[in-house]
N, C-alpha and C. Protein backbone atom coordinates (compact mmCIF):
# COMPACT_ATOMS: atom_id res chain seq x y z
N UNK A 1 0.84 -1.20 0.00
CA UNK A 1 0.00 0.00 0.00
C UNK A 1 0.87 1.25 0.00
N UNK A 2 0.56 2.19 -0.91
CA UNK A 2 1.29 3.45 -0.93
C UNK A 2 0.96 4.26 0.32
N UNK A 3 1.98 4.86 0.91
CA UNK A 3 1.81 5.68 2.10
C UNK A 3 2.13 7.13 1.74
N UNK A 4 1.55 8.07 2.48
CA UNK A 4 1.94 9.46 2.28
C UNK A 4 1.84 10.22 3.61
N UNK A 5 2.63 11.27 3.70
CA UNK A 5 2.65 12.13 4.89
C UNK A 5 2.42 13.56 4.41
N UNK A 6 1.51 14.26 5.08
CA UNK A 6 1.27 15.68 4.80
C UNK A 6 1.51 16.49 6.07
N UNK A 7 2.31 17.50 5.94
CA UNK A 7 2.57 18.44 7.04
C UNK A 7 1.95 19.77 6.62
N UNK A 8 0.96 20.23 7.38
CA UNK A 8 0.17 21.39 6.96
C UNK A 8 0.26 22.51 8.00
N UNK A 9 0.90 23.60 7.63
CA UNK A 9 0.98 24.81 8.48
C UNK A 9 1.42 24.50 9.90
N UNK A 10 2.42 23.65 10.04
CA UNK A 10 2.84 23.22 11.38
C UNK A 10 3.78 24.25 12.02
N UNK A 11 3.43 24.62 13.25
CA UNK A 11 4.27 25.46 14.10
C UNK A 11 4.54 24.71 15.40
N UNK A 12 5.70 24.94 15.97
CA UNK A 12 6.04 24.35 17.26
C UNK A 12 6.82 25.36 18.09
N UNK A 13 6.30 25.61 19.29
CA UNK A 13 6.96 26.53 20.22
C UNK A 13 7.41 25.74 21.45
N UNK A 14 8.67 25.94 21.83
CA UNK A 14 9.22 25.30 23.03
C UNK A 14 9.82 26.37 23.92
N UNK A 15 9.33 26.43 25.17
CA UNK A 15 9.85 27.38 26.15
C UNK A 15 9.88 28.80 25.58
N UNK A 16 8.80 29.14 24.89
CA UNK A 16 8.66 30.50 24.36
C UNK A 16 9.39 30.77 23.07
N UNK A 17 10.11 29.76 22.57
CA UNK A 17 10.87 29.95 21.32
C UNK A 17 10.18 29.19 20.19
N UNK A 18 9.97 29.86 19.07
CA UNK A 18 9.32 29.23 17.93
C UNK A 18 10.34 28.39 17.17
N UNK A 19 10.18 27.07 17.26
CA UNK A 19 11.14 26.14 16.66
C UNK A 19 10.77 25.81 15.22
N UNK A 20 9.46 25.64 14.95
CA UNK A 20 8.97 25.39 13.60
C UNK A 20 7.98 26.48 13.23
N UNK A 21 8.10 26.98 11.99
CA UNK A 21 7.29 28.12 11.55
C UNK A 21 6.56 27.77 10.25
N UNK A 22 5.29 27.47 10.37
CA UNK A 22 4.43 27.25 9.20
C UNK A 22 5.06 26.30 8.17
N UNK A 23 5.34 25.09 8.63
CA UNK A 23 5.95 24.08 7.77
C UNK A 23 4.87 23.40 6.93
N UNK A 24 5.10 23.34 5.62
CA UNK A 24 4.20 22.63 4.70
C UNK A 24 5.06 21.70 3.84
N UNK A 25 4.80 20.39 3.97
CA UNK A 25 5.58 19.39 3.24
C UNK A 25 4.70 18.22 2.86
N UNK A 26 5.10 17.49 1.83
CA UNK A 26 4.46 16.23 1.47
C UNK A 26 5.54 15.19 1.18
N UNK A 27 5.31 13.97 1.67
CA UNK A 27 6.23 12.87 1.43
C UNK A 27 5.44 11.70 0.86
N UNK A 28 5.99 11.05 -0.18
CA UNK A 28 5.30 9.97 -0.88
C UNK A 28 6.12 8.69 -0.86
N UNK A 29 5.41 7.58 -1.10
CA UNK A 29 6.07 6.28 -1.22
C UNK A 29 6.96 6.22 -2.46
N UNK A 30 7.88 5.24 -2.44
CA UNK A 30 8.80 4.99 -3.56
C UNK A 30 9.72 6.17 -3.83
N UNK A 31 9.96 6.97 -2.79
CA UNK A 31 10.89 8.10 -2.90
C UNK A 31 11.74 8.19 -1.63
N UNK A 32 12.93 8.75 -1.81
CA UNK A 32 13.77 9.10 -0.66
C UNK A 32 13.76 10.63 -0.57
N UNK A 33 13.31 11.12 0.56
CA UNK A 33 13.20 12.56 0.81
C UNK A 33 14.30 12.97 1.78
N UNK A 34 14.99 14.04 1.47
CA UNK A 34 16.05 14.53 2.34
C UNK A 34 15.67 15.83 3.02
N UNK A 35 16.05 15.95 4.28
CA UNK A 35 15.90 17.21 5.01
C UNK A 35 17.29 17.61 5.49
N UNK A 36 17.74 18.77 5.05
CA UNK A 36 19.07 19.23 5.42
C UNK A 36 18.95 20.57 6.15
N UNK A 37 20.02 20.93 6.83
CA UNK A 37 20.05 22.19 7.57
C UNK A 37 21.05 22.11 8.70
N UNK A 38 21.46 23.26 9.18
CA UNK A 38 22.44 23.31 10.25
C UNK A 38 21.83 22.82 11.56
N UNK A 39 22.69 22.53 12.52
CA UNK A 39 22.22 22.18 13.86
C UNK A 39 21.35 23.32 14.40
N UNK A 40 20.21 22.96 14.98
CA UNK A 40 19.32 23.97 15.53
C UNK A 40 18.33 24.53 14.53
N UNK A 41 18.32 23.97 13.31
CA UNK A 41 17.40 24.50 12.29
C UNK A 41 15.98 23.98 12.45
N UNK A 42 15.79 22.95 13.29
CA UNK A 42 14.45 22.42 13.54
C UNK A 42 14.19 21.06 12.93
N UNK A 43 15.20 20.46 12.30
CA UNK A 43 15.01 19.19 11.58
C UNK A 43 14.50 18.08 12.50
N UNK A 44 15.19 17.88 13.62
CA UNK A 44 14.83 16.77 14.51
C UNK A 44 13.50 17.01 15.19
N UNK A 45 13.21 18.25 15.55
CA UNK A 45 11.90 18.56 16.14
C UNK A 45 10.78 18.25 15.15
N UNK A 46 10.99 18.60 13.89
CA UNK A 46 10.00 18.30 12.86
C UNK A 46 9.73 16.80 12.78
N UNK A 47 10.79 16.01 12.78
CA UNK A 47 10.63 14.56 12.67
C UNK A 47 9.93 14.00 13.91
N UNK A 48 10.25 14.52 15.08
CA UNK A 48 9.57 14.07 16.30
C UNK A 48 8.08 14.38 16.24
N UNK A 49 7.72 15.52 15.67
CA UNK A 49 6.30 15.86 15.51
C UNK A 49 5.63 14.92 14.51
N UNK A 50 6.30 14.62 13.42
CA UNK A 50 5.74 13.71 12.42
C UNK A 50 5.48 12.34 13.03
N UNK A 51 6.42 11.86 13.83
CA UNK A 51 6.29 10.53 14.43
C UNK A 51 5.26 10.49 15.55
N UNK A 52 4.88 11.65 16.08
CA UNK A 52 3.93 11.70 17.18
C UNK A 52 4.58 11.73 18.55
N UNK A 53 5.91 11.88 18.59
CA UNK A 53 6.63 11.92 19.87
C UNK A 53 6.53 13.30 20.53
N UNK A 54 6.15 14.29 19.76
CA UNK A 54 6.06 15.66 20.26
C UNK A 54 4.83 16.31 19.62
N UNK A 55 3.92 16.89 20.41
CA UNK A 55 2.73 17.51 19.80
C UNK A 55 3.07 18.82 19.11
N UNK A 56 2.36 19.12 18.03
CA UNK A 56 2.54 20.41 17.37
C UNK A 56 1.82 21.49 18.17
N UNK A 57 2.27 22.72 18.04
CA UNK A 57 1.58 23.84 18.69
C UNK A 57 0.38 24.29 17.86
N UNK A 58 0.50 24.20 16.55
CA UNK A 58 -0.62 24.47 15.64
C UNK A 58 -0.33 23.80 14.31
N UNK A 59 -1.37 23.67 13.50
CA UNK A 59 -1.24 22.96 12.24
C UNK A 59 -1.59 21.49 12.38
N UNK A 60 -1.39 20.73 11.31
CA UNK A 60 -1.79 19.32 11.28
C UNK A 60 -0.75 18.49 10.55
N UNK A 61 -0.64 17.23 11.00
CA UNK A 61 0.19 16.24 10.31
C UNK A 61 -0.68 15.03 10.05
N UNK A 62 -0.81 14.66 8.78
CA UNK A 62 -1.58 13.49 8.38
C UNK A 62 -0.65 12.42 7.84
N UNK A 63 -0.85 11.21 8.29
CA UNK A 63 -0.19 10.04 7.71
C UNK A 63 -1.28 9.19 7.11
N UNK A 64 -1.27 9.06 5.80
CA UNK A 64 -2.40 8.50 5.07
C UNK A 64 -3.62 9.37 5.40
N UNK A 65 -4.68 8.81 5.93
CA UNK A 65 -5.87 9.62 6.24
C UNK A 65 -5.96 9.96 7.73
N UNK A 66 -4.95 9.58 8.51
CA UNK A 66 -5.04 9.75 9.96
C UNK A 66 -4.24 10.96 10.42
N UNK A 67 -4.87 11.76 11.26
CA UNK A 67 -4.20 12.94 11.80
C UNK A 67 -3.46 12.55 13.09
N UNK A 68 -2.16 12.82 13.10
CA UNK A 68 -1.34 12.48 14.26
C UNK A 68 -1.78 13.31 15.47
N UNK A 69 -1.98 12.62 16.59
CA UNK A 69 -2.41 13.28 17.82
C UNK A 69 -3.91 13.36 17.97
N UNK A 70 -4.63 12.94 16.92
CA UNK A 70 -6.10 12.97 16.97
C UNK A 70 -6.66 11.58 16.61
N UNK A 71 -6.45 11.17 15.36
CA UNK A 71 -6.93 9.86 14.93
C UNK A 71 -6.01 8.74 15.40
N UNK A 72 -4.75 9.06 15.59
CA UNK A 72 -3.77 8.10 16.10
C UNK A 72 -2.70 8.87 16.86
N UNK A 73 -2.15 8.25 17.90
CA UNK A 73 -1.13 8.94 18.70
C UNK A 73 0.23 8.95 18.01
N UNK A 74 0.55 7.83 17.37
CA UNK A 74 1.88 7.69 16.78
C UNK A 74 1.75 7.23 15.34
N UNK A 75 2.74 7.55 14.55
CA UNK A 75 2.80 7.10 13.18
C UNK A 75 2.96 5.57 13.17
N UNK A 76 2.17 4.89 12.35
CA UNK A 76 2.12 3.42 12.38
C UNK A 76 3.05 2.81 11.34
N UNK A 77 3.50 1.59 11.64
CA UNK A 77 4.31 0.79 10.73
C UNK A 77 5.51 1.58 10.20
N UNK A 78 6.27 2.12 11.13
CA UNK A 78 7.40 2.98 10.81
C UNK A 78 8.65 2.52 11.54
N UNK A 79 9.76 2.51 10.85
CA UNK A 79 11.06 2.28 11.47
C UNK A 79 11.83 3.58 11.48
N UNK A 80 12.52 3.86 12.59
CA UNK A 80 13.20 5.16 12.67
C UNK A 80 14.43 5.12 13.55
N UNK A 81 15.32 6.03 13.24
CA UNK A 81 16.41 6.42 14.14
C UNK A 81 16.24 7.92 14.34
N UNK A 82 16.07 8.33 15.58
CA UNK A 82 16.01 9.75 15.89
C UNK A 82 17.07 10.03 16.95
N UNK A 83 18.03 10.87 16.60
CA UNK A 83 19.19 11.14 17.45
C UNK A 83 19.96 9.84 17.66
N UNK A 84 20.58 9.64 18.80
CA UNK A 84 21.43 8.47 18.98
C UNK A 84 20.60 7.25 19.38
N UNK A 85 20.76 6.11 18.67
CA UNK A 85 20.01 4.92 19.07
C UNK A 85 20.38 4.49 20.49
N UNK A 86 19.37 4.12 21.26
CA UNK A 86 19.61 3.70 22.64
C UNK A 86 19.52 2.19 22.77
N UNK A 87 20.58 1.58 23.29
CA UNK A 87 20.61 0.13 23.47
C UNK A 87 21.10 -0.20 24.87
N UNK A 88 20.91 -1.47 25.26
CA UNK A 88 21.39 -1.97 26.54
C UNK A 88 22.83 -2.42 26.37
N UNK A 89 23.76 -1.71 26.99
CA UNK A 89 25.19 -1.91 26.73
C UNK A 89 25.70 -3.29 27.14
N UNK A 90 25.04 -3.94 28.09
CA UNK A 90 25.56 -5.21 28.59
C UNK A 90 25.13 -6.41 27.74
N UNK A 91 24.29 -6.18 26.74
CA UNK A 91 23.80 -7.24 25.88
C UNK A 91 24.43 -7.17 24.49
N UNK A 92 24.46 -8.31 23.80
CA UNK A 92 24.93 -8.34 22.42
C UNK A 92 23.93 -7.63 21.51
N UNK A 93 24.35 -7.43 20.27
CA UNK A 93 23.46 -6.78 19.32
C UNK A 93 22.19 -7.59 19.09
N UNK A 94 22.32 -8.89 18.89
CA UNK A 94 21.14 -9.73 18.65
C UNK A 94 20.22 -9.75 19.86
N UNK A 95 20.81 -9.82 21.06
CA UNK A 95 19.97 -9.84 22.26
C UNK A 95 19.21 -8.53 22.43
N UNK A 96 19.84 -7.42 22.06
CA UNK A 96 19.14 -6.13 22.09
C UNK A 96 17.95 -6.15 21.14
N UNK A 97 18.15 -6.65 19.92
CA UNK A 97 17.05 -6.69 18.96
C UNK A 97 15.96 -7.65 19.42
N UNK A 98 16.34 -8.78 20.03
CA UNK A 98 15.33 -9.71 20.54
C UNK A 98 14.46 -9.03 21.60
N UNK A 99 15.10 -8.27 22.47
CA UNK A 99 14.35 -7.56 23.53
C UNK A 99 13.38 -6.57 22.91
N UNK A 100 13.84 -5.78 21.95
CA UNK A 100 12.97 -4.79 21.31
C UNK A 100 11.86 -5.46 20.49
N UNK A 101 12.19 -6.56 19.83
CA UNK A 101 11.20 -7.26 19.02
C UNK A 101 10.12 -7.92 19.88
N UNK A 102 10.44 -8.23 21.14
CA UNK A 102 9.48 -8.89 22.02
C UNK A 102 8.30 -7.98 22.38
N UNK A 103 8.47 -6.69 22.18
CA UNK A 103 7.41 -5.73 22.56
C UNK A 103 6.21 -5.89 21.64
N UNK A 104 6.44 -5.95 20.34
CA UNK A 104 5.33 -5.99 19.38
C UNK A 104 5.16 -7.36 18.71
N UNK A 105 6.19 -8.20 18.84
CA UNK A 105 6.12 -9.58 18.34
C UNK A 105 5.80 -9.66 16.84
N UNK A 106 6.44 -8.78 16.07
CA UNK A 106 6.28 -8.80 14.61
C UNK A 106 7.44 -9.55 13.96
N UNK A 107 8.65 -9.30 14.45
CA UNK A 107 9.86 -9.88 13.84
C UNK A 107 10.32 -11.10 14.64
N UNK A 108 10.58 -12.21 13.94
CA UNK A 108 11.14 -13.38 14.61
C UNK A 108 12.66 -13.33 14.54
N UNK A 109 13.31 -14.31 15.16
CA UNK A 109 14.77 -14.26 15.27
C UNK A 109 15.43 -14.37 13.90
N UNK A 110 14.82 -15.09 12.96
CA UNK A 110 15.39 -15.16 11.61
C UNK A 110 15.42 -13.79 10.95
N UNK A 111 14.36 -13.00 11.17
CA UNK A 111 14.33 -11.65 10.61
C UNK A 111 15.38 -10.77 11.28
N UNK A 112 15.57 -10.92 12.57
CA UNK A 112 16.58 -10.12 13.27
C UNK A 112 17.98 -10.43 12.73
N UNK A 113 18.25 -11.71 12.55
CA UNK A 113 19.55 -12.11 12.01
C UNK A 113 19.73 -11.58 10.58
N UNK A 114 18.66 -11.65 9.80
CA UNK A 114 18.70 -11.14 8.42
C UNK A 114 19.06 -9.66 8.41
N UNK A 115 18.43 -8.88 9.29
CA UNK A 115 18.68 -7.43 9.32
C UNK A 115 20.09 -7.12 9.80
N UNK A 116 20.59 -7.89 10.76
CA UNK A 116 21.97 -7.66 11.20
C UNK A 116 22.95 -7.96 10.08
N UNK A 117 22.74 -9.08 9.40
CA UNK A 117 23.62 -9.41 8.27
C UNK A 117 23.53 -8.34 7.18
N UNK A 118 22.32 -7.83 6.95
CA UNK A 118 22.10 -6.82 5.92
C UNK A 118 22.95 -5.59 6.15
N UNK A 119 23.10 -5.18 7.41
CA UNK A 119 23.86 -3.96 7.71
C UNK A 119 25.32 -4.24 8.06
N UNK A 120 25.75 -5.50 7.91
CA UNK A 120 27.16 -5.81 8.10
C UNK A 120 27.56 -6.15 9.52
N UNK A 121 26.61 -6.63 10.33
CA UNK A 121 26.92 -7.06 11.69
C UNK A 121 26.75 -8.57 11.81
N UNK A 122 27.59 -9.20 12.62
CA UNK A 122 27.53 -10.64 12.84
C UNK A 122 26.53 -10.93 13.96
N UNK A 123 25.39 -11.57 13.65
CA UNK A 123 24.41 -11.84 14.70
C UNK A 123 24.89 -12.84 15.75
N UNK A 124 25.93 -13.61 15.43
CA UNK A 124 26.44 -14.60 16.38
C UNK A 124 27.55 -14.04 17.28
N UNK A 125 27.94 -12.81 17.05
CA UNK A 125 28.99 -12.20 17.88
C UNK A 125 28.53 -12.03 19.31
N UNK A 126 29.40 -12.36 20.26
CA UNK A 126 29.09 -12.21 21.68
C UNK A 126 29.48 -10.82 22.20
N UNK A 127 30.09 -10.02 21.35
CA UNK A 127 30.50 -8.68 21.77
C UNK A 127 29.29 -7.89 22.26
N UNK A 128 29.42 -7.26 23.41
CA UNK A 128 28.31 -6.47 23.94
C UNK A 128 28.27 -5.11 23.24
N UNK A 129 27.09 -4.52 23.20
CA UNK A 129 26.92 -3.24 22.53
C UNK A 129 27.76 -2.15 23.20
N UNK A 130 28.03 -2.30 24.49
CA UNK A 130 28.89 -1.35 25.19
C UNK A 130 30.29 -1.27 24.61
N UNK A 131 30.69 -2.34 23.89
CA UNK A 131 32.02 -2.37 23.28
C UNK A 131 31.96 -2.07 21.78
N UNK A 132 30.77 -1.73 21.29
CA UNK A 132 30.62 -1.38 19.88
C UNK A 132 31.25 -0.02 19.59
N UNK A 133 31.78 0.13 18.40
CA UNK A 133 32.17 1.45 17.91
C UNK A 133 30.92 2.25 17.57
N UNK A 134 31.08 3.55 17.33
CA UNK A 134 29.96 4.40 16.93
C UNK A 134 29.32 3.87 15.65
N UNK A 135 30.15 3.45 14.71
CA UNK A 135 29.62 2.94 13.45
C UNK A 135 28.83 1.65 13.64
N UNK A 136 29.29 0.77 14.52
CA UNK A 136 28.57 -0.48 14.79
C UNK A 136 27.22 -0.19 15.45
N UNK A 137 27.20 0.77 16.36
CA UNK A 137 25.93 1.13 17.01
C UNK A 137 24.95 1.69 15.96
N UNK A 138 25.50 2.46 15.03
CA UNK A 138 24.66 3.03 13.98
C UNK A 138 24.10 1.92 13.09
N UNK A 139 24.90 0.95 12.75
CA UNK A 139 24.44 -0.19 11.95
C UNK A 139 23.33 -0.94 12.68
N UNK A 140 23.52 -1.13 13.99
CA UNK A 140 22.50 -1.83 14.77
C UNK A 140 21.21 -1.01 14.82
N UNK A 141 21.34 0.30 14.90
CA UNK A 141 20.17 1.16 14.89
C UNK A 141 19.40 1.04 13.59
N UNK A 142 20.12 0.94 12.47
CA UNK A 142 19.45 0.77 11.18
C UNK A 142 18.78 -0.60 11.10
N UNK A 143 19.45 -1.64 11.62
CA UNK A 143 18.83 -2.97 11.67
C UNK A 143 17.53 -2.93 12.47
N UNK A 144 17.56 -2.24 13.61
CA UNK A 144 16.36 -2.10 14.43
C UNK A 144 15.25 -1.38 13.65
N UNK A 145 15.61 -0.33 12.92
CA UNK A 145 14.62 0.44 12.17
C UNK A 145 13.95 -0.39 11.08
N UNK A 146 14.66 -1.40 10.58
CA UNK A 146 14.15 -2.19 9.46
C UNK A 146 13.50 -3.51 9.87
N UNK A 147 13.68 -3.93 11.12
CA UNK A 147 13.39 -5.32 11.49
C UNK A 147 11.90 -5.67 11.45
N UNK A 148 11.01 -4.69 11.57
CA UNK A 148 9.58 -5.00 11.63
C UNK A 148 8.85 -4.67 10.32
N UNK A 149 9.59 -4.76 9.22
CA UNK A 149 9.01 -4.61 7.88
C UNK A 149 8.25 -3.29 7.72
N UNK A 150 8.84 -2.15 8.07
CA UNK A 150 8.08 -0.89 8.00
C UNK A 150 7.84 -0.42 6.58
N UNK A 151 6.72 0.26 6.37
CA UNK A 151 6.44 0.92 5.09
C UNK A 151 7.06 2.30 5.02
N UNK A 152 7.27 2.91 6.21
CA UNK A 152 7.86 4.24 6.31
C UNK A 152 9.14 4.13 7.13
N UNK A 153 10.21 4.73 6.63
CA UNK A 153 11.52 4.66 7.30
C UNK A 153 12.03 6.08 7.46
N UNK A 154 12.32 6.46 8.70
CA UNK A 154 12.77 7.83 9.00
C UNK A 154 14.10 7.72 9.74
N UNK A 155 15.15 8.27 9.16
CA UNK A 155 16.50 8.10 9.69
C UNK A 155 17.18 9.46 9.88
N UNK A 156 17.56 9.73 11.11
CA UNK A 156 18.26 10.96 11.47
C UNK A 156 19.76 10.68 11.46
N UNK A 157 20.47 11.26 10.49
CA UNK A 157 21.91 11.07 10.31
C UNK A 157 22.28 9.58 10.24
N UNK A 158 21.74 8.84 9.28
CA UNK A 158 21.96 7.39 9.24
C UNK A 158 23.40 6.98 8.98
N UNK A 159 24.21 7.86 8.40
CA UNK A 159 25.60 7.52 8.07
C UNK A 159 26.57 7.91 9.18
N UNK A 160 26.05 8.39 10.29
CA UNK A 160 26.90 8.87 11.38
C UNK A 160 27.82 7.76 11.88
N UNK A 161 29.13 8.01 11.85
CA UNK A 161 30.10 7.06 12.39
C UNK A 161 30.50 5.95 11.44
N UNK A 162 29.93 5.90 10.23
CA UNK A 162 30.25 4.83 9.29
C UNK A 162 31.47 5.20 8.45
N UNK A 163 32.28 4.17 8.14
CA UNK A 163 33.38 4.40 7.22
C UNK A 163 32.84 4.39 5.79
N UNK A 164 33.72 4.61 4.80
CA UNK A 164 33.27 4.74 3.42
C UNK A 164 32.54 3.50 2.93
N UNK A 165 33.05 2.32 3.27
CA UNK A 165 32.40 1.09 2.81
C UNK A 165 31.03 0.93 3.48
N UNK A 166 30.93 1.32 4.75
CA UNK A 166 29.65 1.27 5.45
C UNK A 166 28.64 2.22 4.84
N UNK A 167 29.09 3.41 4.48
CA UNK A 167 28.20 4.39 3.83
C UNK A 167 27.66 3.82 2.52
N UNK A 168 28.53 3.20 1.74
CA UNK A 168 28.09 2.64 0.46
C UNK A 168 27.10 1.49 0.67
N UNK A 169 27.33 0.67 1.70
CA UNK A 169 26.41 -0.43 2.01
C UNK A 169 25.02 0.10 2.37
N UNK A 170 24.98 1.12 3.23
CA UNK A 170 23.69 1.65 3.68
C UNK A 170 22.98 2.37 2.53
N UNK A 171 23.73 3.07 1.69
CA UNK A 171 23.11 3.71 0.52
C UNK A 171 22.45 2.65 -0.36
N UNK A 172 23.13 1.54 -0.57
CA UNK A 172 22.59 0.46 -1.41
C UNK A 172 21.31 -0.10 -0.80
N UNK A 173 21.30 -0.29 0.52
CA UNK A 173 20.10 -0.79 1.21
C UNK A 173 18.94 0.18 1.03
N UNK A 174 19.20 1.47 1.20
CA UNK A 174 18.13 2.47 1.10
C UNK A 174 17.56 2.53 -0.31
N UNK A 175 18.42 2.42 -1.31
CA UNK A 175 17.93 2.44 -2.69
C UNK A 175 17.09 1.20 -2.99
N UNK A 176 17.47 0.07 -2.40
CA UNK A 176 16.67 -1.14 -2.58
C UNK A 176 15.30 -0.99 -1.91
N UNK A 177 15.28 -0.40 -0.71
CA UNK A 177 14.01 -0.18 -0.01
C UNK A 177 13.12 0.78 -0.79
N UNK A 178 13.72 1.79 -1.38
CA UNK A 178 12.95 2.70 -2.25
C UNK A 178 12.33 1.93 -3.41
N UNK A 179 13.12 1.04 -4.02
CA UNK A 179 12.61 0.25 -5.15
C UNK A 179 11.46 -0.66 -4.73
N UNK A 180 11.44 -1.03 -3.44
CA UNK A 180 10.36 -1.86 -2.91
C UNK A 180 9.12 -1.04 -2.55
N UNK A 181 9.19 0.28 -2.76
CA UNK A 181 8.01 1.12 -2.55
C UNK A 181 7.94 1.80 -1.19
N UNK A 182 9.02 1.76 -0.42
CA UNK A 182 9.00 2.38 0.91
C UNK A 182 9.02 3.91 0.80
N UNK A 183 8.45 4.55 1.80
CA UNK A 183 8.56 6.00 1.96
C UNK A 183 9.72 6.25 2.91
N UNK A 184 10.74 6.95 2.45
CA UNK A 184 11.96 7.12 3.24
C UNK A 184 12.25 8.61 3.42
N UNK A 185 12.54 9.00 4.65
CA UNK A 185 12.96 10.36 4.97
C UNK A 185 14.32 10.28 5.64
N UNK A 186 15.26 11.04 5.15
CA UNK A 186 16.61 11.09 5.72
C UNK A 186 16.92 12.51 6.15
N UNK A 187 17.38 12.64 7.39
CA UNK A 187 17.94 13.91 7.86
C UNK A 187 19.45 13.79 7.79
N UNK A 188 20.10 14.73 7.17
CA UNK A 188 21.56 14.63 7.06
C UNK A 188 22.16 16.02 6.86
N UNK A 189 23.39 16.16 7.34
CA UNK A 189 24.15 17.37 7.02
C UNK A 189 25.14 17.09 5.89
N UNK A 190 25.15 15.82 5.41
CA UNK A 190 26.10 15.42 4.39
C UNK A 190 25.48 15.58 3.00
N UNK A 191 25.96 16.56 2.27
CA UNK A 191 25.39 16.86 0.95
C UNK A 191 25.59 15.69 -0.02
N UNK A 192 26.69 14.97 0.12
CA UNK A 192 26.95 13.86 -0.79
C UNK A 192 25.91 12.76 -0.62
N UNK A 193 25.57 12.43 0.64
CA UNK A 193 24.52 11.44 0.88
C UNK A 193 23.20 11.91 0.27
N UNK A 194 22.87 13.15 0.53
CA UNK A 194 21.61 13.71 0.04
C UNK A 194 21.56 13.68 -1.49
N UNK A 195 22.64 14.15 -2.13
CA UNK A 195 22.66 14.24 -3.58
C UNK A 195 22.61 12.87 -4.25
N UNK A 196 23.23 11.86 -3.62
CA UNK A 196 23.29 10.54 -4.26
C UNK A 196 22.04 9.71 -4.01
N UNK A 197 21.23 10.08 -3.02
CA UNK A 197 20.10 9.23 -2.63
C UNK A 197 18.73 9.85 -2.90
N UNK A 198 18.60 11.15 -2.73
CA UNK A 198 17.27 11.73 -2.55
C UNK A 198 16.61 12.19 -3.85
N UNK A 199 15.31 11.93 -3.92
CA UNK A 199 14.49 12.41 -5.03
C UNK A 199 14.05 13.85 -4.80
N UNK A 200 13.80 14.19 -3.54
CA UNK A 200 13.44 15.55 -3.15
C UNK A 200 14.26 15.94 -1.93
N UNK A 201 14.65 17.20 -1.88
CA UNK A 201 15.44 17.69 -0.75
C UNK A 201 14.82 18.99 -0.24
N UNK A 202 14.60 19.05 1.06
CA UNK A 202 14.06 20.24 1.71
C UNK A 202 15.14 20.81 2.63
N UNK A 203 15.42 22.09 2.47
CA UNK A 203 16.43 22.73 3.32
C UNK A 203 15.74 23.57 4.38
N UNK A 204 16.12 23.34 5.63
CA UNK A 204 15.54 24.08 6.75
C UNK A 204 16.55 25.07 7.31
N UNK A 205 16.04 26.21 7.73
CA UNK A 205 16.87 27.22 8.37
C UNK A 205 16.00 28.00 9.35
N UNK A 206 16.39 28.00 10.61
CA UNK A 206 15.68 28.75 11.65
C UNK A 206 14.18 28.40 11.70
N UNK A 207 13.90 27.10 11.56
CA UNK A 207 12.53 26.64 11.71
C UNK A 207 11.65 26.78 10.50
N UNK A 208 12.22 27.18 9.37
CA UNK A 208 11.45 27.36 8.14
C UNK A 208 12.03 26.53 7.01
N UNK A 209 11.15 26.12 6.08
CA UNK A 209 11.63 25.49 4.84
C UNK A 209 12.07 26.62 3.91
N UNK A 210 13.36 26.68 3.69
CA UNK A 210 13.90 27.77 2.90
C UNK A 210 14.01 27.44 1.42
N UNK A 211 14.20 26.15 1.12
CA UNK A 211 14.45 25.80 -0.26
C UNK A 211 14.05 24.36 -0.50
N UNK A 212 13.50 24.09 -1.66
CA UNK A 212 13.18 22.73 -2.10
C UNK A 212 14.01 22.45 -3.33
N UNK A 213 14.80 21.39 -3.28
CA UNK A 213 15.73 21.08 -4.37
C UNK A 213 15.27 19.84 -5.13
């Protein structure tokens, strides 16, 4: 099923400061959408509002026909990384995914192993996540985002901490997911990632959409 997201006249104020100012955006399936901008431009706050983790101050966000915060509390069937992925440091990567998968019981252990292999992690490794490098944690975060077969994938700085080969692997995965009809949103400060992956690019500055590329 094709999915779509509409952001209509969205404003967000935090502690008296206007973080988002009349944001209007549309995101469609079978595309990779990029959101770029400097730190503090409002990118992550926008994504938190879209996901339903933070209420908007005014305006509306629709996912398919459902208004976030009214018809549904959270965006459904979505995999995401927002800011730094949080894991239990004393457990292995697979054990972390098993724990997270036990909440909704959508992904079985074969799927978890598949996703770890997909992102270049060994599911049989006994290494605890506390001993993972930044790039390994990022790979595990992407595996977590993909493990429950989401139709919508939202990734905040997905290439953070990855070496060149890791970046190329993740780009290949994202392009394959796009070909499968997924709706993908990437937040990045890396112009090369954005230029090589995205069908549409939105630039944010001081809480406003300044440019659509």
